[in-house]
Amino acid sequence: MAAMIWIGALLAGLGVLALLYCIVVAVRARRQGLEGTAMEAKLRRLVALNLGALALSGLGLMVLIVGIVLG
């Protein structure tokens, strides 16, 4: 069960890193002064990555908890 804990922690960590990346990209887009369709296009691509990162982080936390409970 120790492997499940480490795998869950790894997945959760990767998810958090991806969420931080999304934040950095959004802040850079805002600082560039993008407006209208340019900003919308940039954020539209970012939403998919953001949702994927959130799902990865949640999955990692679930695996982590299951590993702790079963261990």
N, C-alpha and C. Protein backbone atom coordinates (compact mmCIF):
# COMPACT_ATOMS: atom_id res chain seq x y z
N MET A 1 0.81 -1.19 0.00
CA MET A 1 0.00 0.00 0.00
C MET A 1 0.86 1.27 0.00
N ALA A 2 2.11 1.09 0.34
CA ALA A 2 3.00 2.24 0.31
C ALA A 2 3.14 2.79 -1.10
N ALA A 3 3.09 1.88 -2.09
CA ALA A 3 3.19 2.33 -3.48
C ALA A 3 1.99 3.20 -3.85
N MET A 4 0.80 2.81 -3.36
CA MET A 4 -0.39 3.62 -3.65
C MET A 4 -0.26 5.02 -3.06
N ILE A 5 0.30 5.09 -1.88
CA ILE A 5 0.48 6.39 -1.23
C ILE A 5 1.42 7.26 -2.06
N TRP A 6 2.54 6.69 -2.49
CA TRP A 6 3.50 7.46 -3.28
C TRP A 6 2.94 7.84 -4.65
N ILE A 7 2.22 6.92 -5.28
CA ILE A 7 1.62 7.23 -6.58
C ILE A 7 0.58 8.33 -6.43
N GLY A 8 -0.25 8.24 -5.39
CA GLY A 8 -1.25 9.27 -5.14
C GLY A 8 -0.62 10.62 -4.87
N ALA A 9 0.44 10.62 -4.09
CA ALA A 9 1.14 11.87 -3.80
C ALA A 9 1.75 12.47 -5.06
N LEU A 10 2.29 11.60 -5.91
CA LEU A 10 2.88 12.06 -7.17
C LEU A 10 1.81 12.68 -8.08
N LEU A 11 0.68 11.98 -8.21
CA LEU A 11 -0.41 12.50 -9.05
C LEU A 11 -0.94 13.82 -8.51
N ALA A 12 -1.14 13.88 -7.21
CA ALA A 12 -1.64 15.12 -6.61
C ALA A 12 -0.63 16.26 -6.80
N GLY A 13 0.64 15.96 -6.64
CA GLY A 13 1.67 16.98 -6.84
C GLY A 13 1.73 17.48 -8.27
N LEU A 14 1.62 16.55 -9.23
CA LEU A 14 1.61 16.96 -10.63
C LEU A 14 0.39 17.82 -10.95
N GLY A 15 -0.74 17.46 -10.35
CA GLY A 15 -1.95 18.25 -10.55
C GLY A 15 -1.80 19.66 -10.00
N VAL A 16 -1.21 19.78 -8.83
CA VAL A 16 -1.00 21.10 -8.24
C VAL A 16 -0.02 21.92 -9.08
N LEU A 17 1.02 21.28 -9.59
CA LEU A 17 1.97 21.99 -10.45
C LEU A 17 1.28 22.48 -11.73
N ALA A 18 0.41 21.65 -12.29
CA ALA A 18 -0.32 22.06 -13.49
C ALA A 18 -1.27 23.22 -13.17
N LEU A 19 -1.88 23.21 -11.99
CA LEU A 19 -2.74 24.32 -11.59
C LEU A 19 -1.94 25.62 -11.44
N LEU A 20 -0.75 25.51 -10.87
CA LEU A 20 0.12 26.68 -10.76
C LEU A 20 0.52 27.20 -12.14
N TYR A 21 0.77 26.28 -13.07
CA TYR A 21 1.09 26.68 -14.44
C TYR A 21 -0.08 27.46 -15.05
N CYS A 22 -1.29 26.98 -14.83
CA CYS A 22 -2.48 27.69 -15.34
C CYS A 22 -2.57 29.10 -14.78
N ILE A 23 -2.27 29.24 -13.51
CA ILE A 23 -2.31 30.56 -12.88
C ILE A 23 -1.28 31.48 -13.51
N VAL A 24 -0.07 30.96 -13.71
CA VAL A 24 1.00 31.77 -14.30
C VAL A 24 0.63 32.22 -15.72
N VAL A 25 0.09 31.31 -16.51
CA VAL A 25 -0.29 31.65 -17.89
C VAL A 25 -1.40 32.70 -17.89
N ALA A 26 -2.37 32.58 -17.00
CA ALA A 26 -3.46 33.55 -16.94
C ALA A 26 -2.96 34.93 -16.51
N VAL A 27 -2.05 34.95 -15.55
CA VAL A 27 -1.51 36.24 -15.10
C VAL A 27 -0.68 36.88 -16.19
N ARG A 28 0.10 36.08 -16.93
CA ARG A 28 0.89 36.63 -18.05
C ARG A 28 -0.02 37.20 -19.13
N ALA A 29 -1.12 36.51 -19.42
CA ALA A 29 -2.04 37.00 -20.43
C ALA A 29 -2.66 38.32 -19.99
N ARG A 30 -2.95 38.42 -18.73
CA ARG A 30 -3.54 39.66 -18.22
C ARG A 30 -2.52 40.81 -18.27
N ARG A 31 -1.28 40.51 -17.92
CA ARG A 31 -0.24 41.54 -17.93
C ARG A 31 0.11 41.99 -19.35
N GLN A 32 -0.08 41.09 -20.34
CA GLN A 32 0.18 41.45 -21.73
C GLN A 32 -0.87 42.41 -22.25
N GLY A 33 -1.94 42.55 -21.52
CA GLY A 33 -3.00 43.46 -21.94
C GLY A 33 -3.88 42.89 -23.04
N LEU A 34 -3.95 41.58 -23.14
CA LEU A 34 -4.81 40.98 -24.15
C LEU A 34 -6.27 41.32 -23.85
N GLU A 35 -7.02 41.59 -24.90
CA GLU A 35 -8.43 41.92 -24.73
C GLU A 35 -9.26 41.21 -25.78
N GLY A 36 -10.51 41.09 -25.50
CA GLY A 36 -11.45 40.57 -26.48
C GLY A 36 -11.19 39.14 -26.88
N THR A 37 -11.17 38.93 -28.18
CA THR A 37 -11.07 37.56 -28.69
C THR A 37 -9.71 36.93 -28.42
N ALA A 38 -8.65 37.73 -28.36
CA ALA A 38 -7.32 37.17 -28.07
C ALA A 38 -7.27 36.59 -26.66
N MET A 39 -7.82 37.34 -25.70
CA MET A 39 -7.86 36.87 -24.32
C MET A 39 -8.79 35.67 -24.20
N GLU A 40 -9.89 35.72 -24.88
CA GLU A 40 -10.85 34.61 -24.84
C GLU A 40 -10.24 33.32 -25.40
N ALA A 41 -9.52 33.43 -26.49
CA ALA A 41 -8.89 32.26 -27.10
C ALA A 41 -7.83 31.67 -26.16
N LYS A 42 -7.06 32.54 -25.54
CA LYS A 42 -6.01 32.08 -24.62
C LYS A 42 -6.63 31.38 -23.41
N LEU A 43 -7.67 31.97 -22.86
CA LEU A 43 -8.30 31.40 -21.67
C LEU A 43 -9.11 30.15 -22.01
N ARG A 44 -9.65 30.09 -23.21
CA ARG A 44 -10.44 28.92 -23.61
C ARG A 44 -9.53 27.67 -23.63
N ARG A 45 -8.32 27.83 -24.14
CA ARG A 45 -7.37 26.72 -24.14
C ARG A 45 -6.94 26.37 -22.71
N LEU A 46 -6.86 27.39 -21.89
CA LEU A 46 -6.40 27.20 -20.52
C LEU A 46 -7.44 26.49 -19.66
N VAL A 47 -8.70 26.66 -19.97
CA VAL A 47 -9.76 26.04 -19.18
C VAL A 47 -9.66 24.52 -19.24
N ALA A 48 -9.40 23.98 -20.41
CA ALA A 48 -9.27 22.52 -20.56
C ALA A 48 -8.10 22.00 -19.72
N LEU A 49 -6.99 22.69 -19.77
CA LEU A 49 -5.83 22.28 -18.98
C LEU A 49 -6.12 22.41 -17.49
N ASN A 50 -6.82 23.46 -17.11
CA ASN A 50 -7.17 23.68 -15.72
C ASN A 50 -8.07 22.56 -15.19
N LEU A 51 -9.07 22.19 -15.97
CA LEU A 51 -9.95 21.11 -15.54
C LEU A 51 -9.21 19.77 -15.46
N GLY A 52 -8.33 19.53 -16.41
CA GLY A 52 -7.52 18.31 -16.37
C GLY A 52 -6.62 18.28 -15.15
N ALA A 53 -6.02 19.41 -14.82
CA ALA A 53 -5.14 19.49 -13.66
C ALA A 53 -5.92 19.27 -12.37
N LEU A 54 -7.11 19.83 -12.32
CA LEU A 54 -7.96 19.64 -11.14
C LEU A 54 -8.37 18.17 -10.99
N ALA A 55 -8.71 17.54 -12.11
CA ALA A 55 -9.07 16.12 -12.08
C ALA A 55 -7.88 15.26 -11.66
N LEU A 56 -6.71 15.56 -12.18
CA LEU A 56 -5.51 14.80 -11.82
C LEU A 56 -5.20 14.94 -10.33
N SER A 57 -5.32 16.14 -9.82
CA SER A 57 -5.07 16.38 -8.41
C SER A 57 -6.09 15.64 -7.55
N GLY A 58 -7.35 15.69 -7.94
CA GLY A 58 -8.38 14.99 -7.18
C GLY A 58 -8.18 13.48 -7.22
N LEU A 59 -7.83 12.95 -8.38
CA LEU A 59 -7.57 11.52 -8.51
C LEU A 59 -6.39 11.11 -7.63
N GLY A 60 -5.37 11.94 -7.63
CA GLY A 60 -4.20 11.66 -6.79
C GLY A 60 -4.55 11.64 -5.32
N LEU A 61 -5.39 12.58 -4.90
CA LEU A 61 -5.80 12.60 -3.50
C LEU A 61 -6.65 11.38 -3.15
N MET A 62 -7.49 10.96 -4.09
CA MET A 62 -8.30 9.76 -3.84
C MET A 62 -7.41 8.52 -3.68
N VAL A 63 -6.44 8.37 -4.57
CA VAL A 63 -5.52 7.22 -4.48
C VAL A 63 -4.73 7.29 -3.18
N LEU A 64 -4.32 8.47 -2.80
CA LEU A 64 -3.57 8.67 -1.56
C LEU A 64 -4.39 8.24 -0.35
N ILE A 65 -5.64 8.68 -0.28
CA ILE A 65 -6.50 8.34 0.85
C ILE A 65 -6.77 6.84 0.90
N VAL A 66 -7.04 6.24 -0.28
CA VAL A 66 -7.28 4.80 -0.32
C VAL A 66 -6.04 4.05 0.16
N GLY A 67 -4.87 4.51 -0.26
CA GLY A 67 -3.63 3.87 0.19
C GLY A 67 -3.42 4.00 1.69
N ILE A 68 -3.80 5.13 2.25
CA ILE A 68 -3.67 5.32 3.71
C ILE A 68 -4.66 4.44 4.44
N VAL A 69 -5.90 4.39 3.97
CA VAL A 69 -6.94 3.60 4.65
C VAL A 69 -6.61 2.10 4.58
N LEU A 70 -6.18 1.64 3.42
CA LEU A 70 -5.88 0.22 3.27
C LEU A 70 -4.55 -0.18 3.91
N GLY A 71 -3.68 0.80 4.11
CA GLY A 71 -2.36 0.51 4.63
C GLY A 71 -2.38 0.39 6.11
